[in-house]
Amino acid sequence: MDDATSHGPTDHIELTADIVSAYVSNNSIPASELANLLASVHTAVSGLAAGGTNKAAEDAVEKPTPAQIKKSITPDALISFEDGKPYKTLRRHLTLRSLTPEAYRAKHGLSADYPMTAASYSAQRSELARSLGLGQQRKGQTKAAVKATEAEEAVSEAAVEMKPKRAARPRKVAAGK
């Protein structure tokens, strides 16, 4: 058999060693983590060689405990289970990682009512909308104010109709006739 077509266990070990050495040459890793890195890369290489996509590694996402879920929700930020960083809103962060809010909730075993926006940020946005008058459709106006507005509109329409029309431009005479 040819070397390129043989897929023995030594090939996996050599491939794992090449991958890990390339990674370690460009990244700083503590010596205690080297064994874990070797094991995880070897598992991935063996899984790919077997024709699978290493489904066990994909399913091995740790589901947060109820205490961790409660701790991840703070008034000022939400802690992401993807990278552990705080965010005011998770939607943009999840979009960068090709996740929808529903997929994120399913991946980490979160309830359907898990928030995607921090409470203080939502309150701030809500207050801004109220100050701009958004969401109010003439609720504050009385019937008299509505009639006055309609009367003003009618007067302005009448003023537009009273303006004299502007004279039209004369037609050009065709040259050569």
Protein backbone atom coordinates (compact mmCIF):
# COMPACT_ATOMS: atom_id res chain seq x y z
CA MET A 1 0.00 0.00 0.00
CA ASP A 2 1.01 3.57 -0.58
CA ASP A 3 1.85 5.89 2.37
CA ALA A 4 -0.76 8.41 1.24
CA THR A 5 -3.57 5.85 1.33
CA SER A 6 -2.75 4.10 4.63
CA HIS A 7 -4.80 5.34 7.55
CA GLY A 8 -3.33 3.57 10.55
CA PRO A 9 -3.29 4.77 14.13
CA THR A 10 0.26 6.10 13.70
CA ASP A 11 -0.97 8.46 10.99
CA HIS A 12 -3.45 9.94 13.47
CA ILE A 13 -0.69 10.38 16.03
CA GLU A 14 1.62 12.05 13.51
CA LEU A 15 -1.16 14.30 12.26
CA THR A 16 -2.10 15.21 15.83
CA ALA A 17 1.54 16.01 16.63
CA ASP A 18 1.82 18.22 13.54
CA ILE A 19 -1.37 20.12 14.37
CA VAL A 20 -0.46 20.63 18.03
CA SER A 21 3.11 21.69 17.25
CA ALA A 22 1.85 24.26 14.73
CA TYR A 23 -0.67 25.57 17.24
CA VAL A 24 1.84 25.75 20.11
CA SER A 25 4.42 27.52 17.94
CA ASN A 26 1.97 30.40 17.38
CA ASN A 27 0.09 30.42 20.71
CA SER A 28 1.12 30.52 24.35
CA ILE A 29 -0.14 27.50 26.28
CA PRO A 30 0.68 26.42 29.85
CA ALA A 31 2.42 23.06 30.09
CA SER A 32 -0.45 21.66 32.16
CA GLU A 33 -2.89 22.22 29.27
CA LEU A 34 -0.73 20.50 26.67
CA ALA A 35 -2.01 17.00 27.49
CA ASN A 36 -5.64 18.14 27.22
CA LEU A 37 -4.89 19.81 23.89
CA LEU A 38 -3.24 16.66 22.53
CA ALA A 39 -6.16 14.49 23.66
CA SER A 40 -8.83 16.76 22.18
CA VAL A 41 -7.01 17.12 18.84
CA HIS A 42 -6.43 13.36 18.64
CA THR A 43 -10.11 12.70 19.36
CA ALA A 44 -11.11 15.15 16.64
CA VAL A 45 -8.70 13.65 14.10
CA SER A 46 -9.82 10.11 14.90
CA GLY A 47 -13.48 11.12 14.60
CA LEU A 48 -12.90 12.77 11.24
CA ALA A 49 -10.95 9.78 9.97
CA ALA A 50 -13.83 7.51 10.96
CA GLY A 51 -16.09 9.53 8.64
CA GLY A 52 -18.00 11.38 11.34
CA THR A 53 -18.04 15.00 12.35
CA ASN A 54 -17.19 14.26 15.98
CA LYS A 55 -20.78 14.66 17.12
CA ALA A 56 -19.79 13.85 20.71
CA ALA A 57 -17.69 17.02 20.91
CA GLU A 58 -20.58 19.10 19.56
CA ASP A 59 -23.04 17.61 22.05
CA ALA A 60 -20.61 18.10 24.92
CA VAL A 61 -21.69 21.72 25.48
CA GLU A 62 -22.06 22.17 29.20
CA LYS A 63 -25.59 23.05 30.20
CA PRO A 64 -25.52 25.81 32.81
CA THR A 65 -26.98 25.12 36.23
CA PRO A 66 -29.98 27.13 37.44
CA ALA A 67 -27.62 29.11 39.69
CA GLN A 68 -25.39 29.98 36.73
CA ILE A 69 -28.43 31.01 34.68
CA LYS A 70 -29.65 33.27 37.49
CA LYS A 71 -26.16 34.74 37.93
CA SER A 72 -25.88 35.46 34.19
CA ILE A 73 -28.80 37.90 34.34
CA THR A 74 -27.76 41.20 35.94
CA PRO A 75 -29.56 44.55 35.72
CA ASP A 76 -26.80 46.13 33.63
CA ALA A 77 -25.70 43.21 31.43
CA LEU A 78 -26.29 39.62 30.39
CA ILE A 79 -23.36 37.22 30.64
CA SER A 80 -22.96 35.16 27.46
CA PHE A 81 -22.58 31.41 27.85
CA GLU A 82 -20.60 31.41 24.59
CA ASP A 83 -17.62 33.48 25.76
CA GLY A 84 -18.41 34.57 29.32
CA LYS A 85 -18.41 38.29 28.53
CA PRO A 86 -21.14 40.77 29.58
CA TYR A 87 -23.38 42.32 26.91
CA LYS A 88 -26.26 44.83 27.06
CA THR A 89 -27.95 42.89 24.28
CA LEU A 90 -27.12 39.37 23.15
CA ARG A 91 -28.70 39.52 19.69
CA ARG A 92 -25.78 41.11 17.85
CA HIS A 93 -23.29 38.90 19.73
CA LEU A 94 -25.23 35.79 18.74
CA THR A 95 -25.52 36.94 15.12
CA LEU A 96 -21.73 37.15 14.92
CA ARG A 97 -21.61 33.52 16.07
CA SER A 98 -24.31 32.45 13.57
CA LEU A 99 -26.87 31.72 16.27
CA THR A 100 -30.46 32.83 16.64
CA PRO A 101 -31.87 33.56 20.11
CA GLU A 102 -33.92 30.36 19.87
CA ALA A 103 -30.87 28.27 18.92
CA TYR A 104 -28.86 29.85 21.76
CA ARG A 105 -31.59 29.03 24.26
CA ALA A 106 -31.83 25.45 22.97
CA LYS A 107 -28.05 24.95 22.92
CA HIS A 108 -27.65 25.98 26.55
CA GLY A 109 -30.95 24.62 27.86
CA LEU A 110 -32.44 28.03 28.67
CA SER A 111 -36.15 28.72 29.05
CA ALA A 112 -38.10 30.48 26.31
CA ASP A 113 -38.45 33.60 28.47
CA TYR A 114 -34.68 34.02 28.99
CA PRO A 115 -34.01 37.71 28.19
CA MET A 116 -31.88 38.84 25.25
CA THR A 117 -31.57 42.43 26.54
CA ALA A 118 -30.40 43.75 29.92
CA ALA A 119 -33.16 45.23 32.08
CA SER A 120 -31.51 48.66 32.50
CA TYR A 121 -30.91 48.92 28.75
CA SER A 122 -34.56 48.06 28.02
CA ALA A 123 -35.74 50.64 30.55
CA GLN A 124 -33.44 53.27 29.05
CA ARG A 125 -34.73 52.60 25.53
CA SER A 126 -38.34 52.59 26.75
CA GLU A 127 -37.88 55.94 28.50
CA LEU A 128 -36.35 57.42 25.36
CA ALA A 129 -39.31 56.22 23.28
CA ARG A 130 -41.79 57.71 25.76
CA SER A 131 -39.97 61.05 25.77
CA LEU A 132 -40.18 61.14 21.98
CA GLY A 133 -43.90 60.40 22.13
CA LEU A 134 -43.68 57.10 20.29
CA GLY A 135 -46.59 54.69 20.63
CA GLN A 136 -49.18 57.36 21.40
CA GLN A 137 -51.84 57.92 18.78
CA ARG A 138 -53.71 61.04 19.86
CA LYS A 139 -54.38 59.60 23.30
CA GLY A 140 -53.64 62.91 25.00
CA GLN A 141 -55.85 65.01 22.72
CA THR A 142 -59.41 65.82 23.65
CA LYS A 143 -62.28 65.93 21.18
CA ALA A 144 -62.05 69.72 21.02
CA ALA A 145 -58.35 69.55 20.19
CA VAL A 146 -59.03 67.01 17.44
CA LYS A 147 -61.76 69.27 15.97
CA ALA A 148 -59.43 72.28 16.14
CA THR A 149 -56.73 70.33 14.30
CA GLU A 150 -59.24 69.29 11.63
CA ALA A 151 -60.42 72.91 11.28
CA GLU A 152 -56.82 74.12 10.84
CA GLU A 153 -56.28 71.52 8.12
CA ALA A 154 -59.46 72.64 6.32
CA VAL A 155 -58.37 76.31 6.46
CA SER A 156 -54.93 75.49 5.06
CA GLU A 157 -56.51 73.47 2.22
CA ALA A 158 -58.81 76.42 1.38
CA ALA A 159 -55.82 78.78 1.32
CA VAL A 160 -54.06 76.53 -1.17
CA GLU A 161 -57.13 76.54 -3.44
CA MET A 162 -57.38 80.37 -3.39
CA LYS A 163 -53.92 80.96 -4.82
CA PRO A 164 -54.06 82.10 -8.44
CA LYS A 165 -52.71 79.64 -10.93
CA ARG A 166 -49.45 80.45 -12.57
CA ALA A 167 -49.60 81.19 -16.29
CA ALA A 168 -48.41 78.38 -18.51
CA ARG A 169 -45.38 78.80 -20.72
CA PRO A 170 -46.16 79.53 -24.36
CA ARG A 171 -45.57 76.73 -26.84
CA LYS A 172 -42.46 76.74 -28.93
CA VAL A 173 -43.03 77.40 -32.57
CA ALA A 174 -41.61 74.70 -34.77
CA ALA A 175 -38.70 76.01 -36.82
CA GLY A 176 -38.85 75.63 -40.57
CA LYS A 177 -42.62 75.74 -41.07
